[in-house]
């Protein structure tokens, strides 16, 4: 939503781009859904684990999947943060250009 609010079309007209912020908003929503699914798939502790030692294999698989999901999420956040900074700069430039005109 932040991405879509940053540009009312003035920046796109000024810079000649089309749909970049909409793409970023869609990417953000997809990343959010994927992160939610990954968090729901995390292996939860079990009362059975307090008796004998649990089998480490499922725990290791879960940790590996979780690390991969976290890396994907962090990469996505970095990408979206970068896009947001560019969008803010573009919106500011468009606003200043319109004020100067």
N, C-alpha and C. Protein backbone atom coordinates (compact mmCIF):
# COMPACT_ATOMS: atom_id res chain seq x y z
N UNK A 1 0.82 -1.19 0.00
CA UNK A 1 0.00 0.00 0.00
C UNK A 1 0.87 1.26 0.00
N UNK A 2 1.96 1.23 0.75
CA UNK A 2 2.88 2.38 0.76
C UNK A 2 3.36 2.71 -0.64
N UNK A 3 3.67 1.66 -1.41
CA UNK A 3 4.19 1.88 -2.76
C UNK A 3 3.17 2.60 -3.63
N UNK A 4 1.92 2.18 -3.54
CA UNK A 4 0.89 2.77 -4.38
C UNK A 4 0.59 4.21 -3.96
N UNK A 5 0.72 4.51 -2.68
CA UNK A 5 0.47 5.87 -2.19
C UNK A 5 1.59 6.83 -2.57
N UNK A 6 2.76 6.32 -2.87
CA UNK A 6 3.89 7.19 -3.17
C UNK A 6 3.78 7.89 -4.52
N UNK A 7 2.99 7.36 -5.41
CA UNK A 7 2.96 7.92 -6.75
C UNK A 7 1.53 8.03 -7.26
N UNK A 8 1.11 9.23 -7.52
CA UNK A 8 -0.22 9.44 -8.08
C UNK A 8 -0.16 9.56 -9.60
N UNK A 9 0.97 9.21 -10.19
CA UNK A 9 1.14 9.24 -11.63
C UNK A 9 2.09 10.33 -12.09
N UNK A 10 2.30 11.35 -11.26
CA UNK A 10 3.19 12.44 -11.65
C UNK A 10 4.62 11.96 -11.87
N UNK A 11 5.12 11.13 -10.98
CA UNK A 11 6.49 10.63 -11.12
C UNK A 11 6.61 9.73 -12.34
N UNK A 12 5.60 8.91 -12.58
CA UNK A 12 5.65 8.05 -13.76
C UNK A 12 5.67 8.88 -15.05
N UNK A 13 4.88 9.95 -15.07
CA UNK A 13 4.89 10.82 -16.25
C UNK A 13 6.25 11.52 -16.39
N UNK A 14 6.80 12.00 -15.28
CA UNK A 14 8.07 12.73 -15.31
C UNK A 14 9.23 11.82 -15.73
N UNK A 15 9.26 10.60 -15.20
CA UNK A 15 10.37 9.69 -15.46
C UNK A 15 10.10 8.69 -16.58
N UNK A 16 8.87 8.65 -17.06
CA UNK A 16 8.56 7.78 -18.18
C UNK A 16 8.38 6.32 -17.81
N UNK A 17 8.34 5.99 -16.54
CA UNK A 17 8.16 4.59 -16.13
C UNK A 17 6.70 4.24 -16.03
N UNK A 18 6.40 2.99 -16.11
CA UNK A 18 5.02 2.54 -15.98
C UNK A 18 4.96 1.30 -15.10
N UNK A 19 4.16 1.35 -14.06
CA UNK A 19 3.84 0.18 -13.27
C UNK A 19 4.89 -0.32 -12.29
N UNK A 20 5.97 0.41 -12.09
CA UNK A 20 7.02 -0.08 -11.20
C UNK A 20 6.53 -0.20 -9.75
N UNK A 21 5.79 0.79 -9.30
CA UNK A 21 5.31 0.75 -7.92
C UNK A 21 4.22 -0.30 -7.74
N UNK A 22 3.41 -0.49 -8.76
CA UNK A 22 2.39 -1.54 -8.68
C UNK A 22 3.06 -2.90 -8.58
N UNK A 23 4.11 -3.10 -9.37
CA UNK A 23 4.87 -4.36 -9.31
C UNK A 23 5.47 -4.55 -7.91
N UNK A 24 6.01 -3.49 -7.33
CA UNK A 24 6.60 -3.59 -5.99
C UNK A 24 5.53 -3.92 -4.95
N UNK A 25 4.34 -3.33 -5.10
CA UNK A 25 3.26 -3.64 -4.16
C UNK A 25 2.83 -5.10 -4.27
N UNK A 26 2.74 -5.60 -5.49
CA UNK A 26 2.39 -7.02 -5.69
C UNK A 26 3.47 -7.93 -5.11
N UNK A 27 4.74 -7.56 -5.32
CA UNK A 27 5.86 -8.34 -4.79
C UNK A 27 5.82 -8.36 -3.26
N UNK A 28 5.49 -7.23 -2.68
CA UNK A 28 5.40 -7.13 -1.22
C UNK A 28 4.30 -8.05 -0.68
N UNK A 29 3.15 -8.04 -1.32
CA UNK A 29 2.05 -8.89 -0.89
C UNK A 29 2.40 -10.37 -1.03
N UNK A 30 3.05 -10.73 -2.14
CA UNK A 30 3.45 -12.13 -2.35
C UNK A 30 4.47 -12.56 -1.32
N UNK A 31 5.42 -11.68 -1.01
CA UNK A 31 6.43 -12.00 -0.01
C UNK A 31 5.78 -12.20 1.37
N UNK A 32 4.81 -11.38 1.67
CA UNK A 32 4.10 -11.51 2.94
C UNK A 32 3.38 -12.85 3.04
N UNK A 33 2.69 -13.24 1.97
CA UNK A 33 1.98 -14.53 1.97
C UNK A 33 2.96 -15.70 2.10
N UNK A 34 4.06 -15.64 1.35
CA UNK A 34 5.04 -16.73 1.40
C UNK A 34 5.67 -16.83 2.79
N UNK A 35 5.93 -15.69 3.42
CA UNK A 35 6.51 -15.69 4.77
C UNK A 35 5.54 -16.28 5.78
N UNK A 36 4.26 -15.96 5.62
CA UNK A 36 3.25 -16.52 6.52
C UNK A 36 3.20 -18.04 6.38
N UNK A 37 3.20 -18.53 5.14
CA UNK A 37 3.19 -19.99 4.93
C UNK A 37 4.43 -20.64 5.53
N UNK A 38 5.59 -20.00 5.38
CA UNK A 38 6.83 -20.55 5.92
C UNK A 38 6.77 -20.61 7.44
N UNK A 39 6.23 -19.57 8.05
CA UNK A 39 6.17 -19.56 9.52
C UNK A 39 5.19 -20.61 10.04
N UNK A 40 4.13 -20.87 9.27
CA UNK A 40 3.17 -21.90 9.68
C UNK A 40 3.74 -23.31 9.54
N UNK A 41 4.75 -23.47 8.69
CA UNK A 41 5.32 -24.79 8.44
C UNK A 41 6.44 -25.15 9.43
N UNK A 42 6.79 -24.23 10.30
CA UNK A 42 7.87 -24.49 11.26
C UNK A 42 7.45 -25.59 12.23
N UNK A 43 8.32 -26.54 12.40
CA UNK A 43 8.08 -27.65 13.31
C UNK A 43 7.95 -27.12 14.74
N UNK A 44 6.86 -27.47 15.40
CA UNK A 44 6.62 -27.01 16.77
C UNK A 44 7.10 -28.08 17.76
N UNK A 45 7.46 -27.62 18.94
CA UNK A 45 7.92 -28.59 19.95
C UNK A 45 6.76 -29.49 20.35
N UNK A 46 7.12 -30.63 20.86
CA UNK A 46 6.14 -31.64 21.25
C UNK A 46 6.43 -32.10 22.67
N UNK A 47 5.38 -32.38 23.45
CA UNK A 47 5.61 -32.91 24.80
C UNK A 47 6.40 -34.23 24.78
N UNK A 48 6.34 -34.95 23.67
CA UNK A 48 7.08 -36.21 23.56
C UNK A 48 8.59 -35.97 23.60
N UNK A 49 9.01 -34.77 23.30
CA UNK A 49 10.44 -34.49 23.26
C UNK A 49 11.07 -34.49 24.65
N UNK A 50 10.28 -34.41 25.68
CA UNK A 50 10.83 -34.37 27.04
C UNK A 50 11.19 -35.77 27.55
N UNK A 51 10.70 -36.79 26.90
CA UNK A 51 11.00 -38.15 27.34
C UNK A 51 12.30 -38.62 26.72
N UNK A 52 12.27 -39.38 25.65
CA UNK A 52 13.55 -39.72 25.01
C UNK A 52 13.99 -38.56 24.12
N UNK A 53 15.22 -38.61 23.70
CA UNK A 53 15.70 -37.57 22.78
C UNK A 53 14.94 -37.66 21.48
N UNK A 54 14.55 -36.52 20.93
CA UNK A 54 13.82 -36.56 19.66
C UNK A 54 14.76 -36.91 18.51
N UNK A 55 14.18 -37.40 17.46
CA UNK A 55 14.95 -37.68 16.25
C UNK A 55 15.40 -36.33 15.68
N UNK A 56 16.71 -36.11 15.54
CA UNK A 56 17.18 -34.80 15.08
C UNK A 56 16.92 -34.53 13.60
N UNK A 57 16.66 -35.58 12.81
CA UNK A 57 16.50 -35.39 11.37
C UNK A 57 15.36 -34.44 11.00
N UNK A 58 14.14 -34.61 11.53
CA UNK A 58 13.08 -33.67 11.16
C UNK A 58 13.37 -32.25 11.66
N UNK A 59 14.05 -32.16 12.79
CA UNK A 59 14.39 -30.84 13.32
C UNK A 59 15.41 -30.16 12.40
N UNK A 60 16.41 -30.90 11.94
CA UNK A 60 17.40 -30.35 11.03
C UNK A 60 16.78 -29.93 9.70
N UNK A 61 15.86 -30.74 9.17
CA UNK A 61 15.18 -30.38 7.92
C UNK A 61 14.38 -29.09 8.09
N UNK A 62 13.69 -28.99 9.22
CA UNK A 62 12.90 -27.78 9.49
C UNK A 62 13.80 -26.56 9.62
N UNK A 63 14.91 -26.73 10.33
CA UNK A 63 15.84 -25.60 10.48
C UNK A 63 16.41 -25.17 9.14
N UNK A 64 16.72 -26.13 8.30
CA UNK A 64 17.25 -25.81 6.97
C UNK A 64 16.22 -25.08 6.13
N UNK A 65 14.98 -25.58 6.11
CA UNK A 65 13.91 -24.90 5.36
C UNK A 65 13.65 -23.51 5.93
N UNK A 66 13.68 -23.40 7.25
CA UNK A 66 13.44 -22.10 7.89
C UNK A 66 14.54 -21.10 7.57
N UNK A 67 15.78 -21.57 7.55
CA UNK A 67 16.90 -20.69 7.20
C UNK A 67 16.77 -20.21 5.76
N UNK A 68 16.37 -21.10 4.87
CA UNK A 68 16.18 -20.72 3.46
C UNK A 68 15.04 -19.71 3.33
N UNK A 69 13.95 -19.95 4.04
CA UNK A 69 12.82 -19.03 3.99
C UNK A 69 13.19 -17.67 4.56
N UNK A 70 13.97 -17.67 5.62
CA UNK A 70 14.41 -16.41 6.22
C UNK A 70 15.33 -15.64 5.27
N UNK A 71 16.22 -16.36 4.62
CA UNK A 71 17.12 -15.71 3.65
C UNK A 71 16.31 -15.11 2.49
N UNK A 72 15.32 -15.84 2.01
CA UNK A 72 14.45 -15.34 0.95
C UNK A 72 13.72 -14.08 1.41
N UNK A 73 13.21 -14.12 2.63
CA UNK A 73 12.48 -12.98 3.18
C UNK A 73 13.38 -11.75 3.31
N UNK A 74 14.57 -11.93 3.86
CA UNK A 74 15.51 -10.81 4.04
C UNK A 74 15.89 -10.21 2.69
N UNK A 75 16.13 -11.06 1.71
CA UNK A 75 16.45 -10.57 0.36
C UNK A 75 15.28 -9.77 -0.20
N UNK A 76 14.09 -10.26 -0.01
CA UNK A 76 12.89 -9.55 -0.47
C UNK A 76 12.71 -8.21 0.21
N UNK A 77 12.94 -8.18 1.52
CA UNK A 77 12.82 -6.93 2.27
C UNK A 77 13.86 -5.92 1.78
N UNK A 78 15.07 -6.39 1.54
CA UNK A 78 16.12 -5.49 1.03
C UNK A 78 15.73 -4.92 -0.33
N UNK A 79 15.20 -5.78 -1.20
CA UNK A 79 14.78 -5.32 -2.53
C UNK A 79 13.66 -4.29 -2.42
N UNK A 80 12.66 -4.59 -1.59
CA UNK A 80 11.53 -3.68 -1.46
C UNK A 80 11.93 -2.37 -0.77
N UNK A 81 12.85 -2.43 0.17
CA UNK A 81 13.34 -1.21 0.81
C UNK A 81 14.04 -0.33 -0.21
N UNK A 82 14.83 -0.94 -1.06
CA UNK A 82 15.51 -0.19 -2.11
C UNK A 82 14.51 0.45 -3.06
N UNK A 83 13.51 -0.32 -3.47
CA UNK A 83 12.49 0.22 -4.36
C UNK A 83 11.73 1.37 -3.71
N UNK A 84 11.45 1.23 -2.41
CA UNK A 84 10.72 2.28 -1.71
C UNK A 84 11.54 3.57 -1.66
N UNK A 85 12.84 3.45 -1.41
CA UNK A 85 13.70 4.64 -1.39
C UNK A 85 13.69 5.34 -2.74
N UNK A 86 13.77 4.55 -3.81
CA UNK A 86 13.73 5.13 -5.16
C UNK A 86 12.37 5.79 -5.40
N UNK A 87 11.31 5.14 -4.97
CA UNK A 87 9.97 5.69 -5.17
C UNK A 87 9.79 7.00 -4.41
N UNK A 88 10.31 7.06 -3.20
CA UNK A 88 10.23 8.30 -2.42
C UNK A 88 11.00 9.42 -3.12
N UNK A 89 12.19 9.11 -3.62
CA UNK A 89 12.98 10.12 -4.33
C UNK A 89 12.26 10.59 -5.59
N UNK A 90 11.66 9.65 -6.31
CA UNK A 90 10.93 10.02 -7.53
C UNK A 90 9.73 10.89 -7.20
N UNK A 91 8.97 10.51 -6.17
CA UNK A 91 7.80 11.29 -5.79
C UNK A 91 8.20 12.69 -5.34
N UNK A 92 9.29 12.78 -4.59
CA UNK A 92 9.77 14.08 -4.14
C UNK A 92 10.19 14.94 -5.34
N UNK A 93 10.91 14.35 -6.28
CA UNK A 93 11.34 15.08 -7.47
C UNK A 93 10.14 15.54 -8.28
N UNK A 94 9.16 14.67 -8.44
CA UNK A 94 7.95 15.03 -9.20
C UNK A 94 7.22 16.18 -8.53
N UNK A 95 7.10 16.13 -7.21
CA UNK A 95 6.43 17.19 -6.46
C UNK A 95 7.17 18.51 -6.61
N UNK A 96 8.49 18.45 -6.50
CA UNK A 96 9.30 19.67 -6.65
C UNK A 96 9.22 20.22 -8.07
N UNK A 97 9.20 19.33 -9.06
CA UNK A 97 9.10 19.77 -10.45
C UNK A 97 7.76 20.43 -10.72
N UNK A 98 6.70 19.88 -10.16
CA UNK A 98 5.38 20.48 -10.34
C UNK A 98 5.30 21.83 -9.63
N UNK A 99 5.90 21.94 -8.45
CA UNK A 99 5.88 23.19 -7.70
C UNK A 99 6.66 24.28 -8.44
N UNK A 100 7.74 23.88 -9.13
CA UNK A 100 8.58 24.83 -9.85
C UNK A 100 7.94 25.28 -11.16
N UNK A 101 7.01 24.47 -11.66
CA UNK A 101 6.40 24.78 -12.97
C UNK A 101 5.36 25.89 -12.87
